[in-house]
Amino acid sequence: MSKKWILRWSFFIVGILILALGISLTIKGEQLGIGPWDVFHYGLFIRIGLTIGSWSIIIGFLLLFITSVFNKTWPKIGAFINMLFLGIFIDFFNWLLPTIESFAGAVLAFIVGVLCIGLGIGLYVSADFGAGPRDSVMLVIVEKTGWSIQWVRNGIEVLVFILGWILGGPVGLGTIIIAFGLGPILGFSIPRCKRVIQYYLDKIESNDLLIEQNRRLGHKYLS
């Protein structure tokens, strides 16, 4: 495996790990409410059972199936890994992190969690291994309807928020903050993460080119 692939996979996996940590932190600070999709997964967990991470995987699989039908193509491998690892990591961090009782602790967990979500998405998106299941559905709707990404994203967030609220998921001010405030955070994190990974990709390419030039020069002298 080339150094570039190792770098991209490292950004991707670390991004998913940080994203899952952020989601779990907001779940632990649920007194403020959690993100719309997580409200939905949490509501399914309350009503049916399984785990929040399991529902993240199941819903992700259904969304990938829907986008595959509409696009008539298989999603990129990154979408499958995103779906699987995110659910596993969410359950791991939900098990690892302690329950937060105080309101101040919940506020702190929520703030750190949202920042982790923004950073995690920036890192995994910068690896360019394909959008996650939920973003894939958004992109399909935008492509088929011509509606703006902002309105489609907000519409989806509101829909799953309502479904999660009906199911009994924790809703609060934090839910609204994540639904409408995550965009500016991503607008900051994604371009910067892309610049960082591109810097290291260019550095790897330059080093490989230098090594190849030295190898050819050495071979020339030996000849």
N, C-alpha and C. Protein backbone atom coordinates (compact mmCIF):
# COMPACT_ATOMS: atom_id res chain seq x y z
N MET A 1 0.85 -1.20 0.00
CA MET A 1 0.00 0.00 0.00
C MET A 1 0.89 1.24 0.00
N SER A 2 0.61 2.21 -0.85
CA SER A 2 1.43 3.40 -0.97
C SER A 2 1.27 4.30 0.26
N LYS A 3 2.26 5.18 0.43
CA LYS A 3 2.22 6.11 1.56
C LYS A 3 1.00 7.02 1.47
N LYS A 4 0.61 7.38 0.24
CA LYS A 4 -0.56 8.25 0.08
C LYS A 4 -1.82 7.56 0.58
N TRP A 5 -1.96 6.28 0.25
CA TRP A 5 -3.15 5.55 0.70
C TRP A 5 -3.15 5.40 2.22
N ILE A 6 -1.98 5.14 2.79
CA ILE A 6 -1.89 5.04 4.25
C ILE A 6 -2.30 6.35 4.90
N LEU A 7 -1.83 7.47 4.34
CA LEU A 7 -2.19 8.78 4.88
C LEU A 7 -3.69 9.02 4.78
N ARG A 8 -4.26 8.74 3.61
CA ARG A 8 -5.69 8.98 3.43
C ARG A 8 -6.53 8.09 4.35
N TRP A 9 -6.14 6.82 4.47
CA TRP A 9 -6.88 5.93 5.37
C TRP A 9 -6.73 6.35 6.82
N SER A 10 -5.56 6.88 7.17
CA SER A 10 -5.36 7.36 8.54
C SER A 10 -6.29 8.52 8.85
N PHE A 11 -6.37 9.48 7.92
CA PHE A 11 -7.29 10.62 8.08
C PHE A 11 -8.74 10.12 8.19
N PHE A 12 -9.08 9.15 7.35
CA PHE A 12 -10.45 8.65 7.31
C PHE A 12 -10.83 7.97 8.62
N ILE A 13 -10.00 7.01 9.08
CA ILE A 13 -10.32 6.26 10.29
C ILE A 13 -10.29 7.14 11.52
N VAL A 14 -9.27 7.99 11.63
CA VAL A 14 -9.19 8.91 12.78
C VAL A 14 -10.38 9.86 12.77
N GLY A 15 -10.79 10.31 11.58
CA GLY A 15 -11.95 11.18 11.48
C GLY A 15 -13.22 10.51 11.98
N ILE A 16 -13.43 9.26 11.56
CA ILE A 16 -14.61 8.51 12.03
C ILE A 16 -14.55 8.32 13.54
N LEU A 17 -13.35 8.03 14.06
CA LEU A 17 -13.18 7.83 15.50
C LEU A 17 -13.53 9.10 16.27
N ILE A 18 -13.02 10.24 15.82
CA ILE A 18 -13.31 11.52 16.49
C ILE A 18 -14.78 11.89 16.35
N LEU A 19 -15.36 11.63 15.18
CA LEU A 19 -16.78 11.89 14.97
C LEU A 19 -17.64 11.09 15.95
N ALA A 20 -17.31 9.80 16.10
CA ALA A 20 -18.06 8.94 17.03
C ALA A 20 -17.90 9.43 18.47
N LEU A 21 -16.69 9.86 18.83
CA LEU A 21 -16.47 10.42 20.17
C LEU A 21 -17.34 11.65 20.38
N GLY A 22 -17.40 12.51 19.37
CA GLY A 22 -18.23 13.71 19.49
C GLY A 22 -19.71 13.38 19.66
N ILE A 23 -20.19 12.42 18.89
CA ILE A 23 -21.60 12.01 19.00
C ILE A 23 -21.87 11.45 20.39
N SER A 24 -20.96 10.61 20.89
CA SER A 24 -21.15 10.01 22.22
C SER A 24 -21.11 11.06 23.31
N LEU A 25 -20.25 12.07 23.16
CA LEU A 25 -20.21 13.14 24.15
C LEU A 25 -21.52 13.91 24.19
N THR A 26 -22.10 14.17 23.02
CA THR A 26 -23.40 14.88 23.02
C THR A 26 -24.50 13.99 23.60
N ILE A 27 -24.38 12.68 23.40
CA ILE A 27 -25.36 11.76 23.99
C ILE A 27 -25.22 11.76 25.51
N LYS A 28 -23.98 11.77 26.00
CA LYS A 28 -23.76 11.82 27.45
C LYS A 28 -24.26 13.14 28.03
N GLY A 29 -24.20 14.20 27.23
CA GLY A 29 -24.72 15.49 27.67
C GLY A 29 -26.12 15.73 27.16
N GLU A 30 -26.94 14.69 27.15
CA GLU A 30 -28.26 14.73 26.51
C GLU A 30 -29.24 15.68 27.18
N GLN A 31 -28.89 16.22 28.33
CA GLN A 31 -29.78 17.20 28.97
C GLN A 31 -30.04 18.39 28.07
N LEU A 32 -29.07 18.69 27.18
CA LEU A 32 -29.23 19.81 26.25
C LEU A 32 -29.91 19.39 24.95
N GLY A 33 -30.06 18.08 24.75
CA GLY A 33 -30.56 17.58 23.48
C GLY A 33 -29.39 17.14 22.61
N ILE A 34 -29.64 16.23 21.69
CA ILE A 34 -28.59 15.71 20.82
C ILE A 34 -28.95 15.96 19.35
N GLY A 35 -28.02 15.64 18.45
CA GLY A 35 -28.23 15.90 17.04
C GLY A 35 -29.45 15.18 16.49
N PRO A 36 -30.08 15.73 15.43
CA PRO A 36 -31.31 15.16 14.87
C PRO A 36 -31.22 13.67 14.54
N TRP A 37 -30.16 13.24 13.83
CA TRP A 37 -30.03 11.83 13.50
C TRP A 37 -29.88 10.99 14.76
N ASP A 38 -29.15 11.50 15.74
CA ASP A 38 -28.95 10.75 16.98
C ASP A 38 -30.22 10.70 17.82
N VAL A 39 -31.04 11.74 17.73
CA VAL A 39 -32.36 11.70 18.37
C VAL A 39 -33.16 10.54 17.78
N PHE A 40 -33.09 10.39 16.47
CA PHE A 40 -33.81 9.31 15.78
C PHE A 40 -33.28 7.94 16.21
N HIS A 41 -31.94 7.77 16.21
CA HIS A 41 -31.34 6.50 16.63
C HIS A 41 -31.65 6.20 18.09
N TYR A 42 -31.61 7.23 18.92
CA TYR A 42 -31.89 7.08 20.35
C TYR A 42 -33.35 6.67 20.57
N GLY A 43 -34.25 7.29 19.79
CA GLY A 43 -35.67 6.93 19.89
C GLY A 43 -35.93 5.49 19.50
N LEU A 44 -35.27 5.02 18.45
CA LEU A 44 -35.39 3.61 18.06
C LEU A 44 -34.85 2.68 19.15
N PHE A 45 -33.76 3.10 19.77
CA PHE A 45 -33.16 2.35 20.87
C PHE A 45 -34.15 2.23 22.03
N ILE A 46 -34.84 3.33 22.35
CA ILE A 46 -35.80 3.32 23.45
C ILE A 46 -36.99 2.42 23.13
N ARG A 47 -37.50 2.53 21.91
CA ARG A 47 -38.74 1.83 21.54
C ARG A 47 -38.54 0.35 21.21
N ILE A 48 -37.40 0.04 20.58
CA ILE A 48 -37.23 -1.31 20.06
C ILE A 48 -36.13 -2.08 20.77
N GLY A 49 -35.08 -1.38 21.18
CA GLY A 49 -33.95 -2.06 21.80
C GLY A 49 -32.71 -1.94 20.94
N LEU A 50 -31.85 -2.96 21.00
CA LEU A 50 -30.54 -2.94 20.37
C LEU A 50 -29.71 -1.80 21.00
N THR A 51 -28.79 -1.22 20.25
CA THR A 51 -27.98 -0.12 20.76
C THR A 51 -28.07 1.06 19.81
N ILE A 52 -27.65 2.22 20.27
CA ILE A 52 -27.68 3.42 19.42
C ILE A 52 -26.76 3.22 18.22
N GLY A 53 -25.59 2.63 18.47
CA GLY A 53 -24.66 2.37 17.37
C GLY A 53 -25.22 1.38 16.37
N SER A 54 -25.94 0.36 16.86
CA SER A 54 -26.56 -0.62 15.96
C SER A 54 -27.57 0.04 15.05
N TRP A 55 -28.36 0.96 15.60
CA TRP A 55 -29.35 1.65 14.78
C TRP A 55 -28.69 2.59 13.79
N SER A 56 -27.55 3.16 14.17
CA SER A 56 -26.79 3.98 13.23
C SER A 56 -26.35 3.15 12.03
N ILE A 57 -25.92 1.91 12.29
CA ILE A 57 -25.49 1.01 11.20
C ILE A 57 -26.69 0.60 10.35
N ILE A 58 -27.78 0.21 11.00
CA ILE A 58 -28.96 -0.27 10.27
C ILE A 58 -29.54 0.82 9.37
N ILE A 59 -29.74 2.01 9.94
CA ILE A 59 -30.28 3.12 9.15
C ILE A 59 -29.31 3.50 8.05
N GLY A 60 -28.01 3.47 8.35
CA GLY A 60 -27.01 3.76 7.34
C GLY A 60 -27.06 2.79 6.18
N PHE A 61 -27.25 1.51 6.49
CA PHE A 61 -27.36 0.50 5.43
C PHE A 61 -28.59 0.75 4.55
N LEU A 62 -29.71 1.07 5.17
CA LEU A 62 -30.93 1.35 4.41
C LEU A 62 -30.74 2.57 3.50
N LEU A 63 -30.07 3.59 4.01
CA LEU A 63 -29.83 4.80 3.21
C LEU A 63 -28.89 4.51 2.04
N LEU A 64 -27.87 3.68 2.28
CA LEU A 64 -26.96 3.29 1.19
C LEU A 64 -27.70 2.51 0.12
N PHE A 65 -28.61 1.64 0.55
CA PHE A 65 -29.40 0.86 -0.40
C PHE A 65 -30.26 1.79 -1.26
N ILE A 66 -30.89 2.78 -0.63
CA ILE A 66 -31.74 3.72 -1.36
C ILE A 66 -30.93 4.51 -2.38
N THR A 67 -29.77 5.02 -1.96
CA THR A 67 -28.95 5.80 -2.89
C THR A 67 -28.40 4.93 -4.02
N SER A 68 -28.11 3.67 -3.73
CA SER A 68 -27.63 2.76 -4.78
C SER A 68 -28.70 2.52 -5.83
N VAL A 69 -29.95 2.39 -5.37
CA VAL A 69 -31.06 2.18 -6.30
C VAL A 69 -31.24 3.39 -7.21
N PHE A 70 -31.20 4.57 -6.62
CA PHE A 70 -31.41 5.79 -7.42
C PHE A 70 -30.23 6.07 -8.34
N ASN A 71 -29.02 5.84 -7.85
CA ASN A 71 -27.83 6.12 -8.67
C ASN A 71 -27.46 4.97 -9.60
N LYS A 72 -28.02 3.78 -9.33
CA LYS A 72 -27.71 2.56 -10.11
C LYS A 72 -26.21 2.27 -10.11
N THR A 73 -25.56 2.58 -9.00
CA THR A 73 -24.13 2.29 -8.83
C THR A 73 -23.88 1.90 -7.37
N TRP A 74 -22.82 1.14 -7.16
CA TRP A 74 -22.44 0.80 -5.80
C TRP A 74 -21.76 2.00 -5.15
N PRO A 75 -22.06 2.28 -3.89
CA PRO A 75 -21.36 3.37 -3.19
C PRO A 75 -19.88 3.06 -3.05
N LYS A 76 -19.07 4.09 -2.82
CA LYS A 76 -17.65 3.88 -2.57
C LYS A 76 -17.46 3.10 -1.27
N ILE A 77 -16.33 2.40 -1.19
CA ILE A 77 -16.07 1.56 -0.01
C ILE A 77 -16.06 2.39 1.26
N GLY A 78 -15.66 3.66 1.14
CA GLY A 78 -15.63 4.52 2.32
C GLY A 78 -17.00 4.69 2.95
N ALA A 79 -18.05 4.66 2.14
CA ALA A 79 -19.41 4.81 2.68
C ALA A 79 -19.77 3.61 3.56
N PHE A 80 -19.39 2.39 3.12
CA PHE A 80 -19.65 1.20 3.92
C PHE A 80 -18.85 1.20 5.22
N ILE A 81 -17.57 1.56 5.11
CA ILE A 81 -16.72 1.59 6.30
C ILE A 81 -17.20 2.67 7.26
N ASN A 82 -17.61 3.82 6.72
CA ASN A 82 -18.18 4.89 7.53
C ASN A 82 -19.37 4.36 8.32
N MET A 83 -20.29 3.70 7.62
CA MET A 83 -21.50 3.18 8.24
C MET A 83 -21.18 2.20 9.36
N LEU A 84 -20.26 1.26 9.10
CA LEU A 84 -19.95 0.20 10.06
C LEU A 84 -19.14 0.71 11.24
N PHE A 85 -18.04 1.39 10.96
CA PHE A 85 -17.15 1.82 12.03
C PHE A 85 -17.79 2.88 12.91
N LEU A 86 -18.57 3.78 12.32
CA LEU A 86 -19.19 4.83 13.11
C LEU A 86 -20.10 4.23 14.18
N GLY A 87 -20.92 3.26 13.79
CA GLY A 87 -21.81 2.62 14.76
C GLY A 87 -21.05 1.88 15.84
N ILE A 88 -19.98 1.17 15.45
CA ILE A 88 -19.17 0.44 16.42
C ILE A 88 -18.49 1.39 17.39
N PHE A 89 -17.92 2.46 16.88
CA PHE A 89 -17.22 3.42 17.74
C PHE A 89 -18.19 4.16 18.66
N ILE A 90 -19.40 4.46 18.17
CA ILE A 90 -20.39 5.13 19.03
C ILE A 90 -20.72 4.24 20.23
N ASP A 91 -20.97 2.96 19.99
CA ASP A 91 -21.28 2.05 21.09
C ASP A 91 -20.09 1.91 22.04
N PHE A 92 -18.87 1.90 21.48
CA PHE A 92 -17.68 1.78 22.32
C PHE A 92 -17.56 2.99 23.25
N PHE A 93 -17.70 4.19 22.71
CA PHE A 93 -17.55 5.39 23.53
C PHE A 93 -18.72 5.55 24.50
N ASN A 94 -19.92 5.13 24.09
CA ASN A 94 -21.06 5.17 25.01
C ASN A 94 -20.82 4.25 26.21
N TRP A 95 -20.12 3.14 25.97
CA TRP A 95 -19.77 2.21 27.06
C TRP A 95 -18.63 2.77 27.90
N LEU A 96 -17.66 3.42 27.24
CA LEU A 96 -16.45 3.89 27.92
C LEU A 96 -16.68 5.15 28.75
N LEU A 97 -17.41 6.11 28.20
CA LEU A 97 -17.57 7.40 28.87
C LEU A 97 -18.54 7.29 30.04
N PRO A 98 -18.26 8.02 31.13
CA PRO A 98 -19.16 7.95 32.30
C PRO A 98 -20.45 8.73 32.07
N THR A 99 -21.45 8.40 32.85
CA THR A 99 -22.71 9.14 32.81
C THR A 99 -22.50 10.52 33.43
N ILE A 100 -23.05 11.53 32.81
CA ILE A 100 -22.89 12.91 33.30
C ILE A 100 -24.17 13.33 34.01
N GLU A 101 -24.04 13.69 35.28
CA GLU A 101 -25.20 14.05 36.08
C GLU A 101 -25.44 15.55 36.14
N SER A 102 -24.37 16.34 36.22
CA SER A 102 -24.52 17.78 36.42
C SER A 102 -24.81 18.50 35.11
N PHE A 103 -25.50 19.63 35.22
CA PHE A 103 -25.81 20.42 34.04
C PHE A 103 -24.54 21.03 33.45
N ALA A 104 -23.64 21.48 34.33
CA ALA A 104 -22.37 22.07 33.85
C ALA A 104 -21.56 21.03 33.08
N GLY A 105 -21.55 19.81 33.58
CA GLY A 105 -20.84 18.74 32.88
C GLY A 105 -21.47 18.43 31.54
N ALA A 106 -22.81 18.50 31.49
CA ALA A 106 -23.52 18.25 30.24
C ALA A 106 -23.20 19.32 29.21
N VAL A 107 -23.13 20.58 29.67
CA VAL A 107 -22.79 21.69 28.76
C VAL A 107 -21.39 21.51 28.20
N LEU A 108 -20.45 21.16 29.07
CA LEU A 108 -19.07 20.96 28.64
C LEU A 108 -18.97 19.80 27.65
N ALA A 109 -19.64 18.70 27.97
CA ALA A 109 -19.62 17.53 27.08
C ALA A 109 -20.23 17.87 25.73
N PHE A 110 -21.29 18.65 25.74
CA PHE A 110 -21.96 19.03 24.49
C PHE A 110 -21.05 19.90 23.62
N ILE A 111 -20.41 20.89 24.23
CA ILE A 111 -19.54 21.80 23.47
C ILE A 111 -18.37 21.03 22.86
N VAL A 112 -17.70 20.22 23.68
CA VAL A 112 -16.57 19.43 23.18
C VAL A 112 -17.05 18.44 22.12
N GLY A 113 -18.23 17.87 22.34
CA GLY A 113 -18.78 16.91 21.39
C GLY A 113 -19.05 17.53 20.03
N VAL A 114 -19.64 18.71 20.00
CA VAL A 114 -19.93 19.39 18.73
C VAL A 114 -18.64 19.72 17.99
N LEU A 115 -17.64 20.18 18.73
CA LEU A 115 -16.34 20.49 18.10
C LEU A 115 -15.70 19.22 17.53
N CYS A 116 -15.81 18.12 18.26
CA CYS A 116 -15.28 16.84 17.77
C CYS A 116 -16.03 16.38 16.52
N ILE A 117 -17.34 16.59 16.50
CA ILE A 117 -18.12 16.22 15.32
C ILE A 117 -17.63 17.00 14.10
N GLY A 118 -17.44 18.30 14.29
CA GLY A 118 -16.96 19.13 13.18
C GLY A 118 -15.58 18.71 12.70
N LEU A 119 -14.67 18.44 13.64
CA LEU A 119 -13.32 18.02 13.27
C LEU A 119 -13.33 16.64 12.62
N GLY A 120 -14.11 15.72 13.20
CA GLY A 120 -14.17 14.36 12.66
C GLY A 120 -14.68 14.32 11.24
N ILE A 121 -15.74 15.07 10.97
CA ILE A 121 -16.29 15.12 9.61
C ILE A 121 -15.26 15.73 8.66
N GLY A 122 -14.59 16.79 9.11
CA GLY A 122 -13.57 17.43 8.27
C GLY A 122 -12.46 16.46 7.90
N LEU A 123 -12.01 15.65 8.85
CA LEU A 123 -10.92 14.70 8.60
C LEU A 123 -11.35 13.59 7.66
N TYR A 124 -12.53 12.98 7.91
CA TYR A 124 -12.89 11.85 7.06
C TYR A 124 -13.31 12.30 5.66
N VAL A 125 -13.90 13.47 5.54
CA VAL A 125 -14.28 13.98 4.22
C VAL A 125 -13.03 14.32 3.41
N SER A 126 -12.00 14.85 4.06
CA SER A 126 -10.78 15.23 3.36
C SER A 126 -10.06 14.03 2.76
N ALA A 127 -10.30 12.83 3.30
CA ALA A 127 -9.67 11.63 2.75
C ALA A 127 -10.25 11.25 1.40
N ASP A 128 -11.45 11.74 1.09
CA ASP A 128 -12.09 11.54 -0.22
C ASP A 128 -12.33 10.06 -0.54
N PHE A 129 -12.89 9.34 0.43
CA PHE A 129 -13.25 7.95 0.20
C PHE A 129 -14.76 7.76 0.05
N GLY A 130 -15.46 8.85 -0.17
CA GLY A 130 -16.90 8.76 -0.36
C GLY A 130 -17.68 9.33 0.81
N ALA A 131 -18.83 9.91 0.50
CA ALA A 131 -19.68 10.49 1.55
C ALA A 131 -20.34 9.40 2.36
N GLY A 132 -20.69 9.73 3.60
CA GLY A 132 -21.41 8.79 4.44
C GLY A 132 -22.82 8.59 3.94
N PRO A 133 -23.53 7.58 4.50
CA PRO A 133 -24.89 7.26 4.02
C PRO A 133 -25.84 8.44 4.05
N ARG A 134 -25.81 9.22 5.11
CA ARG A 134 -26.76 10.33 5.25
C ARG A 134 -26.44 11.46 4.27
N ASP A 135 -25.16 11.74 4.09
CA ASP A 135 -24.78 12.75 3.11
C ASP A 135 -25.07 12.28 1.69
N SER A 136 -24.97 10.97 1.45
CA SER A 136 -25.25 10.42 0.13
C SER A 136 -26.71 10.65 -0.26
N VAL A 137 -27.62 10.44 0.70
CA VAL A 137 -29.04 10.68 0.44
C VAL A 137 -29.28 12.15 0.13
N MET A 138 -28.63 13.03 0.88
CA MET A 138 -28.76 14.47 0.64
C MET A 138 -28.32 14.81 -0.77
N LEU A 139 -27.20 14.25 -1.20
CA LEU A 139 -26.68 14.56 -2.53
C LEU A 139 -27.58 14.02 -3.63
N VAL A 140 -28.19 12.85 -3.42
CA VAL A 140 -29.13 12.29 -4.40
C VAL A 140 -30.34 13.20 -4.56
N ILE A 141 -30.89 13.67 -3.43
CA ILE A 141 -32.06 14.56 -3.48
C ILE A 141 -31.72 15.85 -4.21
N VAL A 142 -30.55 16.41 -3.90
CA VAL A 142 -30.11 17.65 -4.57
C VAL A 142 -29.99 17.43 -6.06
N GLU A 143 -29.40 16.30 -6.45
CA GLU A 143 -29.20 16.00 -7.87
C GLU A 143 -30.52 15.79 -8.61
N LYS A 144 -31.46 15.11 -7.97
CA LYS A 144 -32.73 14.78 -8.63
C LYS A 144 -33.70 15.96 -8.67
N THR A 145 -33.61 16.85 -7.68
CA THR A 145 -34.59 17.94 -7.59
C THR A 145 -34.03 19.29 -8.02
N GLY A 146 -32.71 19.46 -7.90
CA GLY A 146 -32.11 20.76 -8.19
C GLY A 146 -32.23 21.74 -7.04
N TRP A 147 -32.75 21.27 -5.88
CA TRP A 147 -32.87 22.15 -4.72
C TRP A 147 -31.48 22.42 -4.13
N SER A 148 -31.36 23.49 -3.33
CA SER A 148 -30.08 23.83 -2.74
C SER A 148 -29.71 22.84 -1.64
N ILE A 149 -28.40 22.64 -1.47
CA ILE A 149 -27.91 21.70 -0.45
C ILE A 149 -28.38 22.13 0.93
N GLN A 150 -28.34 23.43 1.20
CA GLN A 150 -28.70 23.93 2.53
C GLN A 150 -30.13 23.56 2.88
N TRP A 151 -31.07 23.78 1.91
CA TRP A 151 -32.48 23.49 2.19
C TRP A 151 -32.74 21.99 2.30
N VAL A 152 -32.07 21.21 1.48
CA VAL A 152 -32.24 19.76 1.54
C VAL A 152 -31.71 19.23 2.86
N ARG A 153 -30.53 19.68 3.23
CA ARG A 153 -29.93 19.23 4.50
C ARG A 153 -30.82 19.60 5.68
N ASN A 154 -31.26 20.86 5.71
CA ASN A 154 -32.12 21.30 6.81
C ASN A 154 -33.43 20.53 6.83
N GLY A 155 -33.98 20.26 5.63
CA GLY A 155 -35.24 19.52 5.55
C GLY A 155 -35.10 18.11 6.10
N ILE A 156 -34.01 17.44 5.74
CA ILE A 156 -33.76 16.09 6.24
C ILE A 156 -33.58 16.11 7.75
N GLU A 157 -32.80 17.09 8.24
CA GLU A 157 -32.55 17.19 9.68
C GLU A 157 -33.86 17.38 10.45
N VAL A 158 -34.73 18.24 9.93
CA VAL A 158 -36.02 18.50 10.59
C VAL A 158 -36.88 17.24 10.59
N LEU A 159 -36.88 16.52 9.46
CA LEU A 159 -37.71 15.30 9.35
C LEU A 159 -37.27 14.25 10.36
N VAL A 160 -35.97 13.95 10.41
CA VAL A 160 -35.50 12.91 11.33
C VAL A 160 -35.62 13.38 12.78
N PHE A 161 -35.49 14.70 12.98
CA PHE A 161 -35.70 15.25 14.33
C PHE A 161 -37.13 14.99 14.80
N ILE A 162 -38.10 15.23 13.93
CA ILE A 162 -39.51 15.01 14.29
C ILE A 162 -39.77 13.53 14.57
N LEU A 163 -39.23 12.65 13.71
CA LEU A 163 -39.40 11.21 13.91
C LEU A 163 -38.77 10.78 15.24
N GLY A 164 -37.57 11.29 15.52
CA GLY A 164 -36.91 10.94 16.77
C GLY A 164 -37.66 11.46 17.98
N TRP A 165 -38.21 12.66 17.87
CA TRP A 165 -38.99 13.25 18.97
C TRP A 165 -40.24 12.44 19.24
N ILE A 166 -40.91 11.99 18.17
CA ILE A 166 -42.11 11.15 18.32
C ILE A 166 -41.75 9.83 19.02
N LEU A 167 -40.57 9.30 18.70
CA LEU A 167 -40.13 8.04 19.31
C LEU A 167 -39.64 8.21 20.75
N GLY A 168 -39.44 9.46 21.18
CA GLY A 168 -39.04 9.71 22.56
C GLY A 168 -37.58 10.05 22.75
N GLY A 169 -36.88 10.38 21.66
CA GLY A 169 -35.47 10.75 21.77
C GLY A 169 -35.30 12.08 22.48
N PRO A 170 -34.12 12.31 23.09
CA PRO A 170 -33.87 13.56 23.85
C PRO A 170 -33.71 14.77 22.93
N VAL A 171 -34.63 15.70 23.04
CA VAL A 171 -34.64 16.89 22.21
C VAL A 171 -34.46 18.12 23.10
N GLY A 172 -33.70 19.09 22.62
CA GLY A 172 -33.49 20.30 23.39
C GLY A 172 -32.83 21.36 22.55
N LEU A 173 -32.31 22.38 23.22
CA LEU A 173 -31.65 23.47 22.51
C LEU A 173 -30.46 22.95 21.71
N GLY A 174 -29.77 21.95 22.26
CA GLY A 174 -28.62 21.38 21.57
C GLY A 174 -28.97 20.78 20.23
N THR A 175 -30.17 20.23 20.12
CA THR A 175 -30.62 19.65 18.85
C THR A 175 -30.69 20.73 17.77
N ILE A 176 -31.24 21.87 18.14
CA ILE A 176 -31.35 22.98 17.19
C ILE A 176 -29.96 23.52 16.84
N ILE A 177 -29.10 23.61 17.86
CA ILE A 177 -27.74 24.12 17.62
C ILE A 177 -27.01 23.24 16.63
N ILE A 178 -27.11 21.91 16.80
CA ILE A 178 -26.43 20.99 15.89
C ILE A 178 -27.06 21.04 14.51
N ALA A 179 -28.38 21.09 14.45
CA ALA A 179 -29.08 21.07 13.16
C ALA A 179 -28.72 22.27 12.31
N PHE A 180 -28.64 23.45 12.93
CA PHE A 180 -28.43 24.67 12.15
C PHE A 180 -27.05 25.32 12.36
N GLY A 181 -26.32 24.88 13.39
CA GLY A 181 -25.04 25.50 13.68
C GLY A 181 -23.83 24.69 13.26
N LEU A 182 -24.06 23.42 12.88
CA LEU A 182 -22.93 22.59 12.48
C LEU A 182 -22.36 23.02 11.14
N GLY A 183 -23.22 23.58 10.28
CA GLY A 183 -22.77 24.00 8.95
C GLY A 183 -21.58 24.95 8.99
N PRO A 184 -21.65 26.05 9.78
CA PRO A 184 -20.50 26.96 9.85
C PRO A 184 -19.23 26.29 10.38
N ILE A 185 -19.40 25.35 11.33
CA ILE A 185 -18.23 24.63 11.85
C ILE A 185 -17.60 23.79 10.74
N LEU A 186 -18.43 23.13 9.95
CA LEU A 186 -17.92 22.32 8.84
C LEU A 186 -17.30 23.21 7.77
N GLY A 187 -17.88 24.41 7.59
CA GLY A 187 -17.32 25.35 6.63
C GLY A 187 -15.92 25.80 7.02
N PHE A 188 -15.62 25.70 8.32
CA PHE A 188 -14.28 26.04 8.81
C PHE A 188 -13.35 24.82 8.77
N SER A 189 -13.86 23.66 9.20
CA SER A 189 -13.00 22.49 9.39
C SER A 189 -12.66 21.77 8.08
N ILE A 190 -13.64 21.61 7.19
CA ILE A 190 -13.40 20.81 5.98
C ILE A 190 -12.32 21.42 5.09
N PRO A 191 -12.38 22.73 4.75
CA PRO A 191 -11.31 23.29 3.91
C PRO A 191 -9.93 23.17 4.55
N ARG A 192 -9.85 23.36 5.86
CA ARG A 192 -8.55 23.30 6.52
C ARG A 192 -8.01 21.87 6.58
N CYS A 193 -8.88 20.91 6.84
CA CYS A 193 -8.44 19.51 6.83
C CYS A 193 -7.99 19.10 5.42
N LYS A 194 -8.69 19.59 4.41
CA LYS A 194 -8.28 19.29 3.04
C LYS A 194 -6.92 19.88 2.72
N ARG A 195 -6.66 21.09 3.22
CA ARG A 195 -5.35 21.71 2.98
C ARG A 195 -4.24 20.94 3.69
N VAL A 196 -4.54 20.46 4.90
CA VAL A 196 -3.53 19.71 5.66
C VAL A 196 -3.18 18.41 4.95
N ILE A 197 -4.21 17.64 4.55
CA ILE A 197 -3.92 16.37 3.90
C ILE A 197 -3.26 16.58 2.55
N GLN A 198 -3.64 17.64 1.83
CA GLN A 198 -3.01 17.92 0.54
C GLN A 198 -1.55 18.30 0.72
N TYR A 199 -1.26 19.01 1.80
CA TYR A 199 0.14 19.38 2.10
C TYR A 199 0.99 18.13 2.26
N TYR A 200 0.49 17.17 3.04
CA TYR A 200 1.26 15.94 3.27
C TYR A 200 1.29 15.04 2.04
N LEU A 201 0.22 15.04 1.26
CA LEU A 201 0.23 14.28 0.01
C LEU A 201 1.27 14.83 -0.96
N ASP A 202 1.33 16.16 -1.05
CA ASP A 202 2.33 16.80 -1.92
C ASP A 202 3.74 16.52 -1.41
N LYS A 203 3.90 16.51 -0.08
CA LYS A 203 5.20 16.25 0.51
C LYS A 203 5.65 14.82 0.20
N ILE A 204 4.73 13.87 0.29
CA ILE A 204 5.04 12.47 -0.04
C ILE A 204 5.44 12.34 -1.50
N GLU A 205 4.68 13.02 -2.37
CA GLU A 205 4.99 12.98 -3.80
C GLU A 205 6.36 13.57 -4.10
N SER A 206 6.69 14.68 -3.42
CA SER A 206 8.00 15.31 -3.63
C SER A 206 9.13 14.40 -3.16
N ASN A 207 8.93 13.76 -2.01
CA ASN A 207 9.95 12.85 -1.48
C ASN A 207 10.14 11.64 -2.40
N ASP A 208 9.02 11.11 -2.89
CA ASP A 208 9.10 9.96 -3.80
C ASP A 208 9.83 10.34 -5.09
N LEU A 209 9.54 11.55 -5.58
CA LEU A 209 10.19 12.03 -6.80
C LEU A 209 11.70 12.20 -6.57
N LEU A 210 12.07 12.73 -5.40
CA LEU A 210 13.48 12.93 -5.07
C LEU A 210 14.20 11.59 -4.96
N ILE A 211 13.55 10.62 -4.32
CA ILE A 211 14.14 9.28 -4.18
C ILE A 211 14.35 8.64 -5.55
N GLU A 212 13.35 8.80 -6.42
CA GLU A 212 13.45 8.23 -7.77
C GLU A 212 14.57 8.89 -8.57
N GLN A 213 14.71 10.21 -8.42
CA GLN A 213 15.79 10.91 -9.12
C GLN A 213 17.15 10.45 -8.62
N ASN A 214 17.29 10.29 -7.31
CA ASN A 214 18.55 9.82 -6.75
C ASN A 214 18.86 8.40 -7.18
N ARG A 215 17.81 7.59 -7.26
CA ARG A 215 18.01 6.20 -7.70
C ARG A 215 18.50 6.16 -9.14
N ARG A 216 17.88 6.97 -9.99
CA ARG A 216 18.29 6.99 -11.40
C ARG A 216 19.71 7.55 -11.55
N LEU A 217 20.02 8.57 -10.73
CA LEU A 217 21.36 9.16 -10.80
C LEU A 217 22.40 8.14 -10.35
N GLY A 218 22.10 7.41 -9.28
CA GLY A 218 23.02 6.40 -8.80
C GLY A 218 23.20 5.28 -9.80
N HIS A 219 22.11 4.88 -10.45
CA HIS A 219 22.18 3.83 -11.47
C HIS A 219 23.01 4.29 -12.66
N LYS A 220 22.92 5.59 -12.99
CA LYS A 220 23.69 6.13 -14.11
C LYS A 220 25.18 6.07 -13.84
N TYR A 221 25.57 6.44 -12.59
CA TYR A 221 26.98 6.41 -12.22
C TYR A 221 27.52 4.97 -12.20
N LEU A 222 26.69 4.05 -11.71
CA LEU A 222 27.12 2.65 -11.66
C LEU A 222 27.29 2.06 -13.05
N SER A 223 26.51 2.59 -14.00
CA SER A 223 26.62 2.10 -15.38
C SER A 223 27.89 2.63 -16.03
